[in-house]
Protein backbone atom coordinates (compact mmCIF):
# COMPACT_ATOMS: atom_id res chain seq x y z
CA MET A 1 -162.92 151.87 64.31
CA LYS A 2 -163.92 155.56 63.56
CA ARG A 3 -165.53 157.33 66.59
CA THR A 4 -168.81 159.00 66.07
CA ILE A 5 -169.69 162.32 67.49
CA LEU A 6 -173.05 163.80 67.79
CA ILE A 7 -173.43 167.71 67.18
CA CYS A 8 -176.45 169.17 68.51
CA ASP A 9 -177.18 173.03 67.52
CA ASP A 10 -180.31 174.87 66.44
CA GLU A 11 -178.27 177.13 64.13
CA LYS A 12 -177.48 175.04 60.78
CA ASN A 13 -174.47 176.75 59.88
CA ILE A 14 -172.65 176.14 63.25
CA ARG A 15 -174.02 172.46 63.26
CA ASN A 16 -172.81 171.73 59.84
CA GLY A 17 -169.60 173.68 60.22
CA LEU A 18 -168.56 171.80 63.21
CA ALA A 19 -169.53 168.50 61.47
CA MET A 20 -167.10 169.32 58.75
CA ALA A 21 -164.30 170.08 61.30
CA MET A 22 -164.73 166.83 63.22
CA GLU A 23 -165.06 164.81 59.64
CA LEU A 24 -161.63 166.40 58.91
CA GLU A 25 -160.19 165.12 62.14
CA ASN A 26 -161.49 161.63 60.97
CA TYR A 27 -164.43 161.21 62.89
CA ASN A 28 -168.03 160.07 61.78
CA THR A 29 -170.55 162.70 62.90
CA LEU A 30 -174.41 162.82 63.38
CA THR A 31 -176.22 165.92 63.46
CA ALA A 32 -179.39 167.15 65.54
CA GLU A 33 -181.33 170.50 65.52
CA ASP A 34 -182.65 170.23 69.07
CA GLY A 35 -182.12 168.04 72.25
CA SER A 36 -185.19 165.56 71.22
CA VAL A 37 -183.82 164.79 67.93
CA ALA A 38 -180.23 164.45 69.68
CA TRP A 39 -181.84 162.17 72.47
CA ASN A 40 -183.43 159.89 69.94
CA LEU A 41 -180.20 159.32 67.98
CA ILE A 42 -178.48 158.61 71.12
CA ASN A 43 -180.87 155.90 71.89
CA LYS A 44 -180.77 154.46 68.50
CA GLN A 45 -177.05 154.65 67.13
CA ASP A 46 -173.46 154.15 68.91
CA VAL A 47 -172.30 157.74 69.87
CA ASP A 48 -169.11 158.27 71.50
CA LEU A 49 -169.22 161.79 72.26
CA VAL A 50 -171.88 164.69 72.08
CA ILE A 51 -171.24 168.41 71.48
CA THR A 52 -174.47 170.23 72.20
CA ASP A 53 -175.70 173.73 72.50
CA LEU A 54 -177.28 174.96 75.60
CA ARG A 55 -180.11 177.04 74.39
CA MET A 56 -182.27 174.85 71.97
CA PRO A 57 -186.48 174.45 71.14
CA ASN A 58 -188.00 171.44 72.54
CA LEU A 59 -185.30 169.97 74.64
CA SER A 60 -182.47 172.22 75.94
CA GLY A 61 -178.73 171.06 75.93
CA GLU A 62 -179.13 171.45 79.94
CA ASN A 63 -181.80 169.05 79.99
CA LEU A 64 -180.02 166.76 77.30
CA LEU A 65 -177.15 166.84 79.80
CA LYS A 66 -179.43 165.73 82.74
CA LYS A 67 -180.66 162.78 80.48
CA ILE A 68 -177.35 161.86 79.29
CA SER A 69 -175.87 161.77 82.77
CA ALA A 70 -178.60 159.49 84.10
CA ALA A 71 -178.77 157.08 81.48
CA TYR A 72 -175.18 157.15 80.12
CA PRO A 73 -172.98 158.37 82.56
CA ARG A 74 -169.80 157.46 80.67
CA LEU A 75 -170.75 159.66 77.33
CA PRO A 76 -168.77 162.59 77.16
CA VAL A 77 -170.61 165.86 76.68
CA VAL A 78 -169.03 169.13 75.46
CA ILE A 79 -171.32 172.20 75.75
CA LEU A 80 -171.50 175.24 73.57
CA THR A 81 -172.80 178.33 74.80
CA GLY A 82 -173.00 182.29 73.98
CA HIS A 83 -171.55 184.75 76.14
CA GLY A 84 -174.51 185.65 78.02
CA THR A 85 -174.73 182.17 79.40
CA ILE A 86 -171.50 181.50 80.94
CA GLU A 87 -172.98 180.74 84.50
CA THR A 88 -175.26 178.15 83.16
CA ALA A 89 -172.27 176.65 81.15
CA VAL A 90 -170.28 176.46 84.46
CA GLU A 91 -173.34 174.68 86.17
CA ALA A 92 -173.27 172.29 83.27
CA MET A 93 -169.92 171.38 83.92
CA ARG A 94 -170.84 170.70 87.56
CA MET A 95 -173.50 168.26 86.17
CA GLY A 96 -170.76 166.29 84.11
CA ALA A 97 -169.87 167.93 81.01
CA VAL A 98 -166.23 167.56 80.12
CA ASP A 99 -165.77 171.14 78.95
CA PHE A 100 -167.57 174.10 77.56
CA PHE A 101 -166.88 176.66 74.73
CA THR A 102 -168.27 180.01 74.05
CA LYS A 103 -169.21 180.66 70.36
CA PRO A 104 -167.37 181.48 68.02
CA VAL A 105 -165.49 177.99 68.83
CA ASP A 106 -161.88 177.79 68.71
CA LEU A 107 -161.76 174.40 66.66
CA ASP A 108 -158.12 173.45 67.52
CA ARG A 109 -159.04 173.66 71.39
CA LEU A 110 -162.12 171.62 70.63
CA SER A 111 -160.20 169.01 68.83
CA LEU A 112 -157.83 168.87 71.72
CA VAL A 113 -160.81 168.61 74.21
CA VAL A 114 -162.37 165.84 71.99
CA LYS A 115 -159.41 163.90 71.85
CA LYS A 116 -158.84 163.95 75.48
CA ALA A 117 -162.27 163.09 76.38
CA LEU A 118 -162.34 159.80 74.20
CA SER A 119 -158.78 159.10 75.43
CA ASN A 120 -160.02 159.17 78.89
CA ASN A 121 -163.21 157.13 78.08
CA ASP A 122 -160.98 154.50 76.49
CA LEU A 123 -158.53 154.34 79.89
CA PHE A 124 -162.02 153.75 81.53
CA VAL A 125 -163.05 150.98 79.20
CA GLU A 126 -159.69 149.59 79.26
CA HIS A 127 -159.26 149.47 82.90
CA GLU A 128 -162.98 147.96 83.46
CA GLU A 129 -161.99 145.13 80.72
CA LEU A 130 -158.78 144.42 82.73
CA LYS A 131 -160.47 144.23 86.14
CA LYS A 132 -162.90 141.85 84.34
CA GLU A 133 -159.95 139.59 83.09
CA VAL A 134 -158.38 139.67 86.59
CA ALA A 135 -161.79 138.51 88.26
CA GLN A 136 -161.75 135.88 85.69
CA LEU A 137 -158.30 134.65 86.11
CA LYS A 138 -158.93 134.69 89.98
CA ALA A 139 -162.20 132.75 89.39
CA ARG A 140 -160.40 130.34 87.20
CA ASN A 141 -157.49 129.65 89.76
CA LYS A 142 -157.80 127.91 92.88
CA TYR A 143 -155.83 130.51 94.49
CA ASP A 144 -156.90 134.13 93.82
CA ARG A 145 -154.03 136.10 95.52
CA ILE A 146 -151.53 135.61 92.78
CA VAL A 147 -152.20 137.41 89.64
CA GLY A 148 -150.64 136.46 86.19
CA LYS A 149 -151.42 135.19 82.77
CA SER A 150 -147.67 134.53 81.58
CA GLN A 151 -146.54 131.30 80.49
CA LYS A 152 -144.11 131.29 83.48
CA MET A 153 -146.64 131.99 86.08
CA VAL A 154 -149.32 129.62 84.32
CA GLN A 155 -146.41 126.78 84.62
CA LEU A 156 -145.85 127.73 88.25
CA MET A 157 -149.21 127.74 89.36
CA ASP A 158 -149.80 124.24 87.65
CA VAL A 159 -146.75 122.95 89.61
CA VAL A 160 -148.07 124.43 92.73
CA SER A 161 -151.51 122.90 92.42
CA GLN A 162 -149.70 119.46 91.48
CA VAL A 163 -147.43 119.68 94.71
CA ALA A 164 -149.85 121.19 97.26
CA PRO A 165 -151.84 117.94 98.24
CA THR A 166 -148.41 115.81 99.04
CA LYS A 167 -146.45 115.92 101.93
CA ALA A 168 -143.41 116.93 100.15
CA SER A 169 -140.85 119.67 101.36
CA VAL A 170 -140.77 122.63 99.07
CA LEU A 171 -138.13 125.27 98.38
CA ILE A 172 -138.95 128.29 96.93
CA THR A 173 -136.38 130.74 95.21
CA GLY A 174 -136.36 133.95 93.49
CA GLU A 175 -135.60 137.59 94.03
CA SER A 176 -136.53 139.83 96.82
CA GLY A 177 -140.31 141.04 95.95
CA VAL A 178 -141.32 138.39 93.50
CA GLY A 179 -144.05 136.89 95.79
CA LYS A 180 -142.42 133.76 97.47
CA GLU A 181 -144.78 134.16 100.37
CA LEU A 182 -147.78 134.18 98.56
CA VAL A 183 -146.75 130.90 96.64
CA ALA A 184 -146.12 129.35 100.08
CA ASP A 185 -149.48 130.61 101.00
CA ALA A 186 -151.03 128.91 97.95
CA ILE A 187 -149.35 125.74 98.54
CA HIS A 188 -150.68 125.36 102.17
CA GLU A 189 -154.16 126.85 101.20
CA LEU A 190 -154.32 124.04 98.40
CA SER A 191 -152.91 121.43 100.55
CA ASN A 192 -154.96 118.79 102.77
CA ARG A 193 -153.46 120.67 105.63
CA SER A 194 -155.31 123.98 104.94
CA SER A 195 -157.44 123.65 107.93
CA GLY A 196 -154.64 123.33 110.29
CA PRO A 197 -152.18 126.13 111.16
CA PHE A 198 -149.89 128.07 109.01
CA ILE A 199 -146.85 129.32 110.82
CA LYS A 200 -144.43 131.99 109.36
CA VAL A 201 -141.07 132.50 110.45
CA HIS A 202 -138.86 135.21 108.90
CA CYS A 203 -135.37 133.67 109.81
CA ALA A 204 -133.31 136.71 108.91
CA ALA A 205 -135.15 139.03 111.41
CA LEU A 206 -133.94 136.95 114.38
CA THR A 207 -130.67 136.31 115.89
CA SER A 208 -129.36 132.88 115.93
CA SER A 209 -130.11 132.12 119.95
CA LEU A 210 -133.47 134.01 119.42
CA LEU A 211 -134.31 131.87 116.21
CA GLU A 212 -133.53 128.44 118.00
CA SER A 213 -135.88 129.59 120.94
CA GLU A 214 -138.78 130.66 118.23
CA LEU A 215 -138.34 127.46 116.33
CA PHE A 216 -138.36 124.93 118.97
CA GLY A 217 -139.54 126.67 122.38
CA HIS A 218 -137.77 126.46 125.47
CA GLU A 219 -138.37 125.46 128.96
CA LYS A 220 -138.57 127.89 132.23
CA GLY A 221 -135.06 129.01 133.25
CA ALA A 222 -133.56 127.70 130.26
CA PHE A 223 -131.51 131.05 130.00
CA THR A 224 -131.79 134.62 131.50
CA GLY A 225 -135.38 135.84 130.85
CA ALA A 226 -136.94 132.51 130.43
CA VAL A 227 -139.60 133.05 133.37
CA ALA A 228 -141.88 130.47 131.84
CA MET A 229 -142.14 127.62 129.49
CA LYS A 230 -142.49 128.53 125.83
CA LYS A 231 -144.09 126.59 122.68
CA GLY A 232 -142.06 127.00 119.76
CA ARG A 233 -143.08 127.42 116.20
CA PHE A 234 -142.85 124.01 115.07
CA GLU A 235 -145.00 122.90 118.01
CA LEU A 236 -147.82 125.54 117.07
CA ALA A 237 -147.55 124.25 113.56
CA ASP A 238 -148.29 120.65 114.56
CA GLY A 239 -150.80 119.10 112.08
CA GLY A 240 -150.44 122.08 109.57
CA SER A 241 -147.39 123.77 107.82
CA ILE A 242 -144.42 125.93 108.57
CA PHE A 243 -143.10 128.50 106.42
CA LEU A 244 -139.33 129.41 106.68
CA ASP A 245 -138.41 132.72 104.89
CA GLU A 246 -135.00 133.46 104.28
CA ILE A 247 -133.78 129.87 105.42
CA GLY A 248 -130.44 130.89 103.91
CA GLU A 249 -129.82 132.96 106.95
CA ILE A 250 -129.97 130.44 109.77
CA ASP A 251 -126.71 129.12 111.51
CA THR A 252 -125.21 125.98 111.29
CA SER A 253 -126.30 124.65 114.80
CA THR A 254 -129.92 125.51 114.02
CA GLN A 255 -129.40 123.71 110.87
CA VAL A 256 -128.68 120.49 112.60
CA LYS A 257 -131.73 120.74 114.57
CA LEU A 258 -133.78 121.45 111.77
CA LEU A 259 -132.24 118.44 109.97
CA ARG A 260 -133.14 116.41 112.57
CA VAL A 261 -136.91 117.61 112.62
CA LEU A 262 -136.84 116.67 108.84
CA GLN A 263 -135.61 113.19 109.36
CA GLU A 264 -137.18 112.24 112.69
CA LYS A 265 -140.19 114.71 113.19
CA GLN A 266 -138.49 115.10 116.78
CA PHE A 267 -136.81 117.96 118.54
CA GLU A 268 -136.45 119.33 122.29
CA ARG A 269 -137.16 122.77 123.37
CA VAL A 270 -134.17 124.80 124.39
CA GLY A 271 -133.12 123.72 128.00
CA GLY A 272 -135.32 120.50 127.63
CA GLU A 273 -134.83 116.84 127.67
CA LYS A 274 -138.10 115.39 126.43
CA SER A 275 -138.41 114.84 122.83
CA LEU A 276 -141.48 116.02 121.22
CA THR A 277 -142.87 114.80 118.15
CA VAL A 278 -144.64 116.85 115.61
CA ASP A 279 -146.35 116.55 112.05
CA VAL A 280 -145.36 119.48 110.19
CA ARG A 281 -144.93 120.25 106.18
CA ILE A 282 -141.94 122.47 105.84
CA ILE A 283 -141.93 125.01 103.18
CA CYS A 284 -139.01 127.23 102.84
CA ALA A 285 -137.99 130.35 100.59
CA THR A 286 -134.51 132.06 99.83
CA ASN A 287 -133.24 134.77 97.78
CA ARG A 288 -129.86 133.21 98.07
CA ASP A 289 -128.09 130.57 95.63
CA LEU A 290 -127.98 127.82 98.33
CA LEU A 291 -125.64 125.62 96.27
CA LYS A 292 -122.98 128.67 96.60
CA GLU A 293 -123.50 128.73 100.18
CA ILE A 294 -122.94 125.09 100.84
CA GLU A 295 -119.68 125.44 98.67
CA LYS A 296 -118.61 128.25 101.23
CA GLY A 297 -119.38 126.21 104.07
CA ASN A 298 -122.45 128.27 105.19
CA PHE A 299 -125.18 125.57 104.44
CA ARG A 300 -125.42 122.05 104.93
CA GLU A 301 -125.61 119.67 101.89
CA ASP A 302 -127.46 117.16 103.63
CA LEU A 303 -130.32 119.76 104.77
CA TYR A 304 -130.36 121.33 101.16
CA TYR A 305 -131.56 118.12 99.80
CA ARG A 306 -133.86 117.39 102.52
CA LEU A 307 -135.54 120.82 101.93
CA ASN A 308 -135.39 120.75 98.13
CA VAL A 309 -137.78 117.84 97.48
CA VAL A 310 -139.71 120.16 95.18
CA HIS A 311 -137.77 123.23 94.16
CA LEU A 312 -140.32 126.25 92.65
CA ASP A 313 -138.46 129.22 91.18
CA VAL A 314 -140.60 132.40 90.96
CA PRO A 315 -139.63 134.29 87.99
CA PRO A 316 -138.64 138.30 88.34
CA LEU A 317 -141.16 140.88 86.96
CA ARG A 318 -138.87 141.84 84.29
CA GLU A 319 -139.30 138.42 82.66
CA ARG A 320 -143.00 138.22 82.72
CA LYS A 321 -144.09 142.00 81.68
CA GLU A 322 -147.08 140.70 80.13
CA ASP A 323 -148.41 140.47 83.60
CA ILE A 324 -148.05 144.01 84.27
CA PRO A 325 -151.00 145.77 83.17
CA LEU A 326 -153.13 142.98 85.19
CA LEU A 327 -151.06 143.68 88.22
CA MET A 328 -151.27 147.52 87.79
CA THR A 329 -155.15 147.21 87.54
CA SER A 330 -155.59 144.92 90.63
CA PHE A 331 -153.62 147.47 92.61
CA LEU A 332 -155.15 150.28 91.41
CA THR A 333 -158.51 149.02 92.20
CA PHE A 334 -157.23 148.00 95.89
CA PHE A 335 -155.56 151.47 96.29
CA ASN A 336 -158.68 153.33 94.99
CA GLN A 337 -160.71 151.40 97.77
CA GLU A 338 -158.22 152.03 100.51
CA ASN A 339 -157.81 155.64 99.71
CA GLN A 340 -161.36 156.47 98.68
CA LYS A 341 -160.43 157.52 95.25
CA GLN A 342 -161.77 156.79 91.86
CA ILE A 343 -158.81 156.80 89.51
CA GLU A 344 -160.12 155.30 86.33
CA GLY A 345 -156.83 154.06 84.80
CA PHE A 346 -153.29 154.94 83.65
CA SER A 347 -152.71 157.30 80.62
CA ALA A 348 -150.85 155.92 77.51
CA ALA A 349 -147.54 157.33 78.51
CA ALA A 350 -147.65 156.21 82.17
CA LYS A 351 -148.67 152.85 80.74
CA ARG A 352 -145.49 153.25 78.43
CA ALA A 353 -143.33 153.96 81.50
CA LEU A 354 -144.32 151.06 83.72
CA LEU A 355 -143.80 148.53 80.94
CA ALA A 356 -140.45 150.10 79.99
CA TYR A 357 -138.96 149.80 83.38
CA ASP A 358 -137.30 146.68 84.71
CA TRP A 359 -138.59 146.48 88.20
CA PRO A 360 -135.50 145.44 90.42
CA GLY A 361 -137.71 145.45 93.39
CA ASN A 362 -140.51 143.33 91.78
CA ILE A 363 -143.95 142.81 92.40
CA ARG A 364 -143.30 144.61 95.94
CA GLU A 365 -141.87 147.62 94.12
CA LEU A 366 -144.69 147.76 91.68
CA ARG A 367 -147.44 147.63 94.42
CA ASN A 368 -145.68 150.70 96.17
CA CYS A 369 -145.33 152.55 92.76
CA ILE A 370 -149.12 152.13 92.37
CA GLU A 371 -150.06 153.07 95.91
CA SER A 372 -147.86 156.12 95.75
CA ALA A 373 -149.29 157.09 92.30
CA VAL A 374 -152.86 156.82 93.66
CA VAL A 375 -152.10 158.80 96.66
CA LEU A 376 -150.24 161.65 94.63
CA SER A 377 -152.42 161.92 91.48
CA ARG A 378 -154.85 164.84 91.53
CA SER A 379 -156.84 163.71 88.24
CA MET A 380 -158.90 160.89 87.52
CA THR A 381 -155.94 159.18 85.41
CA ILE A 382 -152.51 158.51 86.51
CA GLU A 383 -150.05 160.42 84.46
CA PRO A 384 -146.05 159.93 84.25
CA ASP A 385 -145.69 162.78 86.77
CA ASP A 386 -147.33 160.84 89.46
CA LEU A 387 -144.80 157.90 89.00
CA PRO A 388 -141.55 157.64 91.10
CA PRO A 389 -138.78 159.51 89.38
CA ALA A 390 -136.85 156.18 88.63
CA VAL A 391 -139.83 154.87 86.67
CA ASN A 392 -140.58 157.99 84.81
CA LYS A 393 -136.97 158.54 83.75
CA VAL A 394 -136.96 155.33 81.84
CA ALA A 395 -139.67 156.47 79.74
CA ASN A 396 -138.10 159.79 79.21
CA THR A 397 -134.98 158.39 78.19
CA SER A 398 -136.66 155.80 75.57
CA GLN A 399 -136.48 158.27 72.84
CA LEU A 400 -136.51 157.88 68.84
CA SER A 401 -135.33 160.65 66.80
CA MET A 402 -136.48 160.77 62.83
CA GLU A 403 -135.40 163.38 60.21
CA VAL A 404 -138.45 165.23 58.52
CA GLY A 405 -139.13 164.11 55.15
CA ILE A 406 -139.28 160.38 55.59
CA THR A 407 -142.45 158.43 54.46
CA LEU A 408 -145.08 157.42 56.97
CA GLU A 409 -144.20 153.75 56.23
CA GLU A 410 -140.53 154.10 57.02
CA ALA A 411 -141.76 156.22 60.29
CA GLU A 412 -143.58 153.52 61.32
CA LYS A 413 -141.02 150.58 60.49
CA ARG A 414 -138.29 152.53 62.76
CA LEU A 415 -140.78 152.80 65.63
CA ILE A 416 -141.58 149.17 65.36
CA VAL A 417 -138.16 148.22 65.55
CA SER A 418 -137.10 150.57 68.24
CA THR A 419 -140.09 149.46 70.54
CA LEU A 420 -139.03 145.67 69.81
CA SER A 421 -135.44 146.68 70.92
CA LEU A 422 -136.86 148.46 74.13
CA CYS A 423 -138.84 145.54 74.76
CA GLY A 424 -135.81 142.92 74.33
CA GLY A 425 -137.63 141.46 71.30
CA ASN A 426 -140.78 140.67 73.39
CA LYS A 427 -143.40 140.85 70.77
CA THR A 428 -146.27 140.71 73.56
CA LYS A 429 -144.98 143.65 75.38
CA ALA A 430 -143.82 145.61 72.24
CA SER A 431 -147.53 145.35 71.07
CA GLU A 432 -148.92 146.58 74.09
CA VAL A 433 -146.25 149.52 74.32
CA LEU A 434 -147.30 150.49 70.56
CA GLY A 435 -151.11 150.02 71.39
CA ILE A 436 -151.72 147.35 68.93
CA GLY A 437 -152.78 143.60 68.73
CA ARG A 438 -150.12 141.11 68.85
CA LYS A 439 -151.38 139.66 65.58
CA THR A 440 -151.43 143.35 63.97
CA LEU A 441 -147.84 143.44 65.09
CA HIS A 442 -146.85 140.26 63.43
CA ARG A 443 -148.44 141.46 60.15
CA LYS A 444 -146.54 144.57 60.02
CA LEU A 445 -143.33 142.85 60.89
CA GLN A 446 -144.10 140.91 57.76
CA ASP A 447 -145.19 143.68 55.48
CA TYR A 448 -142.01 145.69 56.56
CA LYS A 449 -139.78 142.66 56.14
CA ILE A 450 -138.44 143.16 59.65
CA ASP A 451 -135.99 140.62 60.85
CA GLN A 452 -137.92 139.01 63.86
CA ASP A 453 -134.78 137.77 65.31
């Protein structure tokens, strides 16, 4: 859709000359001979950007800017001025104008400023639309801390909703950083035990002796330093759920005790003789292949099948890249608030870089990347240079060279093919990188007779 630019100047030649220049750049134009006429047009028609002189009869450009800033704060305004009113133009910039030009106007520079202003506005609109989509997803889902609309995530959360109200033990697998703990949180929050305790134990952070004491507690004098009786995590989780993260790291002796808890709901504290009975739902997570650990003799097969009543596998981020724009937006909103910033979105180049990168650290890495970019950014948009070198490098190495003299049709065809290749054939991701709708991409694939396999 063509953008509409309103040009306001009391000098007819300048007004018409700028209109002609903007029309050559493929914009629609409206013209006004003073601020009052311009203001009426803004209120009646869709205007995407205003170019206005400062000194005009009836309503000056300065007063027009004040009205626009108050009523339409997102409408970009470019100021024109003579050499004698530079200070006024600078003041207009402080009031919200995106730039100012002295007459005669440098049309090439004006064209660049107009494109950038419209692009920045597009980024803001896109960011706001994505924020609304995130809010809608959260409102629609029973658990709002997991953001995703990809088929894999929708299927995963459907299973979570189905499994949560039951008493079944759940084993969550997936690479580091995919959000296994959030899935565990969702299972507990959506369960009938949500009002009960939810105790988390990171098994890899404790030695085998400390882990046994942490899980099952100990009696006074059970070992050196045990100066008092201590309840274990299973006792504390009675009536609720316990989350054992990195379950593949526990030693075989602790595995035996854990198996007994699963089978009989009973255990003894370290150094104790009294059997304690608890009602606890067990949710486990690991990034290891437990079947391979069983083959190596590192993990008990009977314990594996007790834990693996329901198996949930959380997909890596590279397999659901259509969720990246939503996650970017969600993290940007959060870190804007955390750091008192007002960054409005991601430039097209930054977005391409974020979509092209494979995210070996998954959502945790993406979250850290956005936090770093928000902290380091000096402008209202996040640019590729604000991103970590590893992310920016992927975008810079994904280049397409074409010889001069080919048709626009051939150039577009090559760009589509290369982008599809870069995205591993993922049409949703390719359409996002190209900045077109998925339906448009399908139509172009058919028009250019591109083999979709």
